[in-house]
């Protein structure tokens, strides 16, 4: 009788877990299909695989999420409706007092975007900079911190030290057991001895090593955003590929056929105990 009861309990738990996972996946899919998304951004879903990516990072509609350097808000368009009812979204954008005209213009455009649609009413705008001590979110409050294609920018500012400093800020914001999700242009291992620093690509093993230095546990990688057509050896770096297409009309069809970059998709976890 006890064996039957235990088997029933385990079966119920498994069903509940699978049901919850399916519900989360459906919620992410609905957010991806939300009518607030721009048609231009939707066209890039084929390269960025948002449903699979956010599911891999274990997002749920009730998660507290920090999106780092959201830029124009490509992922914000998905995260905001996903978290609108039961979750919380911190958008840690460029600092308001930045000396960079690009940063100021980009931040202003993002703020304008937030004001243009009620779906963004509950998004909390914060600031992030590698050299800044500002809170991206209250300490130990976030279930998930996400960074998409940002690591190469921070690495160019201060190499290993800059990335570790960034990862430590994410570590502070996360709850024990919380997840850091990283998507970044991935440098082929064979090119590590090349002059890759200005290419926009970052070695995967370096990313893992520096995240561990900041205290994270490396949990899993995924090929969700892999692109084997990307050779990562262009004169103008990753910006040769779409969406930047740095060469404009020169070999445009060739680079469109390659598509967006080959990207690592890495999941780290903050330990439950220090």
Protein backbone atom coordinates (compact mmCIF):
# COMPACT_ATOMS: atom_id res chain seq x y z
CA UNK A 1 0.00 0.00 0.00
CA UNK A 2 2.84 2.36 0.87
CA UNK A 3 4.55 1.60 -2.45
CA UNK A 4 1.31 2.39 -4.32
CA UNK A 5 0.89 5.65 -2.41
CA UNK A 6 4.51 6.67 -3.11
CA UNK A 7 4.16 5.87 -6.81
CA UNK A 8 0.94 7.88 -6.96
CA UNK A 9 2.59 10.84 -5.24
CA UNK A 10 5.56 10.74 -7.61
CA UNK A 11 3.23 10.48 -10.61
CA UNK A 12 1.21 13.46 -9.36
CA UNK A 13 4.40 15.49 -8.82
CA UNK A 14 5.69 14.64 -12.31
CA UNK A 15 2.37 15.56 -13.90
CA UNK A 16 2.30 18.84 -11.97
CA UNK A 17 5.87 19.66 -13.06
CA UNK A 18 5.17 18.89 -16.71
CA UNK A 19 1.91 20.83 -16.59
CA UNK A 20 3.68 23.85 -15.10
CA UNK A 21 6.42 23.68 -17.74
CA UNK A 22 3.84 23.51 -20.52
CA UNK A 23 1.94 26.46 -19.06
CA UNK A 24 5.15 28.52 -18.90
CA UNK A 25 5.97 27.65 -22.50
CA UNK A 26 2.47 28.66 -23.61
CA UNK A 27 2.76 31.95 -21.71
CA UNK A 28 6.07 32.76 -23.40
CA UNK A 29 4.57 31.91 -26.78
CA UNK A 30 1.63 34.25 -26.13
CA UNK A 31 4.05 37.03 -25.15
CA UNK A 32 6.00 36.50 -28.38
CA UNK A 33 2.70 36.80 -30.27
CA UNK A 34 1.59 39.92 -28.37
CA UNK A 35 0.19 42.65 -30.61
CA UNK A 36 2.48 45.30 -29.11
CA UNK A 37 5.52 43.84 -30.86
CA UNK A 38 6.83 45.62 -33.95
CA UNK A 39 6.74 43.80 -37.28
CA UNK A 40 10.44 44.57 -37.76
CA UNK A 41 11.33 42.81 -34.52
CA UNK A 42 9.09 39.85 -35.25
CA UNK A 43 11.05 39.20 -38.45
CA UNK A 44 14.12 38.49 -36.32
CA UNK A 45 12.48 35.73 -34.29
CA UNK A 46 13.87 33.22 -36.80
CA UNK A 47 17.40 34.11 -35.62
CA UNK A 48 16.78 34.81 -31.94
CA UNK A 49 14.39 31.97 -31.03
CA UNK A 50 12.79 33.83 -28.11
CA UNK A 51 10.39 31.08 -27.00
CA UNK A 52 13.10 28.45 -26.76
CA UNK A 53 15.64 30.87 -25.27
CA UNK A 54 13.42 32.21 -22.49
CA UNK A 55 12.16 28.72 -21.71
CA UNK A 56 15.78 27.51 -21.43
CA UNK A 57 16.41 30.32 -18.93
CA UNK A 58 13.39 29.08 -16.92
CA UNK A 59 11.30 32.25 -17.12
CA UNK A 60 7.74 32.09 -15.83
CA UNK A 61 4.96 34.73 -15.85
CA UNK A 62 5.66 35.32 -12.14
CA UNK A 63 9.45 35.74 -12.43
CA UNK A 64 11.29 38.86 -11.32
CA UNK A 65 13.62 39.60 -14.23
CA UNK A 66 16.43 42.07 -14.87
CA UNK A 67 17.16 42.78 -18.52
CA UNK A 68 20.64 44.26 -18.88
CA UNK A 69 21.26 47.01 -21.46
CA UNK A 70 18.00 46.41 -23.35
CA UNK A 71 18.98 48.80 -26.17
CA UNK A 72 15.96 49.42 -28.37
CA UNK A 73 13.86 46.93 -26.42
CA UNK A 74 13.76 43.90 -28.71
CA UNK A 75 13.41 41.50 -25.80
CA UNK A 76 11.53 44.05 -23.69
CA UNK A 77 8.65 43.74 -26.17
CA UNK A 78 8.35 40.10 -25.08
CA UNK A 79 9.29 40.33 -21.43
CA UNK A 80 6.87 43.15 -20.60
CA UNK A 81 3.67 41.32 -21.63
CA UNK A 82 4.98 38.05 -20.22
CA UNK A 83 5.53 39.58 -16.76
CA UNK A 84 2.79 42.23 -16.79
CA UNK A 85 0.25 40.46 -14.59
CA UNK A 86 2.25 38.53 -12.01
CA UNK A 87 5.96 39.21 -12.54
CA UNK A 88 8.33 42.15 -12.44
CA UNK A 89 10.73 43.55 -15.03
CA UNK A 90 13.70 45.77 -14.34
CA UNK A 91 15.21 47.32 -17.46
CA UNK A 92 18.81 48.21 -16.54
CA UNK A 93 19.58 50.66 -19.33
CA UNK A 94 22.51 52.99 -20.06
CA UNK A 95 23.18 55.57 -17.31
CA UNK A 96 21.28 58.84 -17.60
CA UNK A 97 24.46 60.82 -16.96
CA UNK A 98 26.50 59.10 -19.66
CA UNK A 99 28.84 61.24 -21.77
CA UNK A 100 28.11 59.09 -24.81
CA UNK A 101 25.67 60.62 -27.28
CA UNK A 102 24.80 57.15 -28.52
CA UNK A 103 23.96 55.98 -25.00
CA UNK A 104 21.87 59.07 -24.28
CA UNK A 105 19.99 58.85 -27.58
CA UNK A 106 19.38 55.13 -27.17
CA UNK A 107 18.13 55.55 -23.60
CA UNK A 108 15.81 58.41 -24.62
CA UNK A 109 14.34 56.30 -27.41
CA UNK A 110 13.77 53.42 -25.00
CA UNK A 111 12.01 55.71 -22.50
CA UNK A 112 9.82 57.01 -25.31
CA UNK A 113 8.98 53.42 -26.23
CA UNK A 114 7.97 52.66 -22.62
CA UNK A 115 5.68 55.69 -22.55
CA UNK A 116 3.99 54.81 -25.84
CA UNK A 117 2.16 51.66 -24.73
CA UNK A 118 0.40 50.71 -21.46
CA UNK A 119 1.95 47.23 -21.62
CA UNK A 120 5.17 48.82 -20.33
CA UNK A 121 3.55 50.59 -17.36
CA UNK A 122 5.07 48.23 -14.81
CA UNK A 123 8.58 48.14 -16.25
CA UNK A 124 11.04 49.60 -13.72
CA UNK A 125 13.83 51.58 -15.39
CA UNK A 126 17.20 51.28 -13.66
CA UNK A 127 20.80 51.82 -14.79
CA UNK A 128 23.74 49.61 -15.53
CA UNK A 129 27.39 50.35 -16.27
CA UNK A 130 30.37 48.11 -15.67
CA UNK A 131 32.12 50.79 -13.62
CA UNK A 132 28.99 51.91 -11.73
CA UNK A 133 27.74 50.82 -8.32
CA UNK A 134 24.08 51.69 -8.99
CA UNK A 135 21.59 48.93 -8.20
CA UNK A 136 20.22 47.22 -11.28
CA UNK A 137 17.56 45.82 -8.93
CA UNK A 138 17.30 45.37 -5.16
CA UNK A 139 19.87 42.90 -3.86
CA UNK A 140 18.77 39.25 -3.89
CA UNK A 141 15.42 40.12 -5.52
CA UNK A 142 15.71 38.71 -9.04
CA UNK A 143 14.86 35.22 -10.23
CA UNK A 144 16.57 35.78 -13.57
CA UNK A 145 19.11 38.24 -15.00
CA UNK A 146 19.35 38.33 -18.79
CA UNK A 147 22.02 39.76 -21.08
CA UNK A 148 21.78 39.53 -24.84
CA UNK A 149 24.82 40.30 -27.06
CA UNK A 150 26.43 42.70 -24.58
CA UNK A 151 29.56 40.92 -23.37
CA UNK A 152 31.77 42.05 -26.26
CA UNK A 153 31.05 45.70 -25.40
CA UNK A 154 31.99 45.28 -21.75
CA UNK A 155 35.05 43.20 -22.57
CA UNK A 156 36.34 45.94 -24.86
CA UNK A 157 36.07 48.37 -21.92
CA UNK A 158 38.31 46.46 -19.53
CA UNK A 159 38.96 42.87 -20.59
CA UNK A 160 38.57 40.14 -17.94
CA UNK A 161 38.18 42.61 -15.08
CA UNK A 162 35.24 44.35 -16.75
CA UNK A 163 33.32 41.13 -17.37
CA UNK A 164 33.89 39.88 -13.83
CA UNK A 165 32.69 43.25 -12.47
CA UNK A 166 29.52 43.00 -14.57
CA UNK A 167 28.87 39.41 -13.52
CA UNK A 168 29.30 40.39 -9.86
CA UNK A 169 26.57 43.03 -10.22
CA UNK A 170 24.26 40.37 -11.64
CA UNK A 171 25.20 38.00 -8.82
CA UNK A 172 24.24 40.64 -6.24
CA UNK A 173 20.82 41.23 -7.82
CA UNK A 174 19.93 37.54 -7.98
CA UNK A 175 18.26 35.49 -5.30
CA UNK A 176 20.16 32.41 -4.13
CA UNK A 177 19.40 29.81 -6.78
CA UNK A 178 18.62 32.52 -9.35
CA UNK A 179 19.64 32.25 -13.00
CA UNK A 180 21.95 34.32 -15.17
CA UNK A 181 21.11 33.86 -18.85
CA UNK A 182 23.76 34.85 -21.39
CA UNK A 183 23.45 35.06 -25.16
CA UNK A 184 26.54 36.29 -27.01
CA UNK A 185 28.28 36.15 -30.40
CA UNK A 186 30.47 33.07 -30.09
CA UNK A 187 34.09 33.07 -31.23
CA UNK A 188 35.22 29.74 -32.73
CA UNK A 189 37.85 28.07 -30.55
CA UNK A 190 40.23 27.95 -33.53
CA UNK A 191 40.26 31.76 -33.70
CA UNK A 192 41.26 32.44 -30.10
CA UNK A 193 44.81 33.24 -31.18
CA UNK A 194 43.61 35.79 -33.74
CA UNK A 195 42.99 39.51 -33.23
CA UNK A 196 39.41 38.95 -32.10
CA UNK A 197 38.99 41.75 -29.54
CA UNK A 198 37.26 44.12 -31.97
CA UNK A 199 35.32 41.44 -33.82
CA UNK A 200 32.24 41.50 -31.59
CA UNK A 201 32.71 37.79 -30.83
CA UNK A 202 33.69 36.36 -27.42
CA UNK A 203 35.15 32.93 -26.57
CA UNK A 204 32.66 30.68 -24.80
CA UNK A 205 35.24 29.16 -22.46
CA UNK A 206 36.37 32.64 -21.39
CA UNK A 207 32.77 33.62 -20.61
CA UNK A 208 32.29 30.54 -18.46
CA UNK A 209 35.61 31.05 -16.65
CA UNK A 210 34.87 34.69 -15.77
CA UNK A 211 31.29 33.98 -14.65
CA UNK A 212 32.68 31.32 -12.31
CA UNK A 213 35.17 33.87 -10.96
CA UNK A 214 32.20 36.05 -10.03
CA UNK A 215 30.71 33.18 -8.04
CA UNK A 216 28.33 31.54 -10.53
CA UNK A 217 27.87 27.86 -11.18
CA UNK A 218 27.84 26.97 -14.88
CA UNK A 219 24.74 24.88 -15.36
CA UNK A 220 24.09 24.30 -19.06
CA UNK A 221 24.63 25.45 -22.62
CA UNK A 222 22.28 25.22 -25.58
CA UNK A 223 22.58 25.30 -29.37
CA UNK A 224 19.26 27.15 -29.64
CA UNK A 225 20.95 30.21 -31.18
CA UNK A 226 23.76 28.45 -33.03
CA UNK A 227 24.41 29.28 -36.68
CA UNK A 228 27.00 27.01 -38.36
CA UNK A 229 26.99 29.25 -41.46
CA UNK A 230 28.73 32.02 -39.51
CA UNK A 231 32.52 31.85 -40.01
CA UNK A 232 33.15 34.82 -37.65
CA UNK A 233 36.09 36.07 -39.74
CA UNK A 234 34.79 39.21 -41.42
CA UNK A 235 36.74 42.43 -41.94
CA UNK A 236 34.04 44.40 -40.15
CA UNK A 237 33.43 41.74 -37.52
CA UNK A 238 29.98 40.57 -36.51
CA UNK A 239 28.51 43.84 -37.80
CA UNK A 240 29.07 42.55 -41.33
CA UNK A 241 26.10 40.24 -40.80
CA UNK A 242 22.46 41.25 -40.38
CA UNK A 243 20.94 43.20 -38.84
CA UNK A 244 23.82 45.71 -39.11
CA UNK A 245 25.01 44.80 -42.63
CA UNK A 246 27.98 47.16 -42.29
CA UNK A 247 28.90 46.74 -45.98
CA UNK A 248 25.39 47.85 -46.99
CA UNK A 249 24.74 46.65 -50.55
CA UNK A 250 28.14 45.00 -51.03
CA UNK A 251 27.59 41.21 -50.93
CA UNK A 252 24.27 41.87 -49.22
CA UNK A 253 22.65 38.66 -50.51
CA UNK A 254 25.63 36.63 -49.27
CA UNK A 255 25.39 37.95 -45.72
CA UNK A 256 21.61 37.72 -45.62
CA UNK A 257 21.96 34.06 -46.61
CA UNK A 258 24.31 33.52 -43.65
CA UNK A 259 21.86 35.21 -41.28
CA UNK A 260 22.58 36.57 -37.83
CA UNK A 261 25.63 35.48 -35.85
CA UNK A 262 26.42 32.14 -34.26
CA UNK A 263 25.58 32.65 -30.58
CA UNK A 264 26.38 30.87 -27.37
CA UNK A 265 23.42 30.44 -25.02
CA UNK A 266 24.64 29.81 -21.48
CA UNK A 267 22.80 29.28 -18.20
CA UNK A 268 24.49 30.02 -14.87
CA UNK A 269 23.09 29.75 -11.37
CA UNK A 270 23.81 31.60 -8.15
CA UNK A 271 24.54 29.03 -5.46
CA UNK A 272 21.89 28.46 -2.80
CA UNK A 273 24.56 28.98 -0.17
CA UNK A 274 27.67 31.21 -0.46
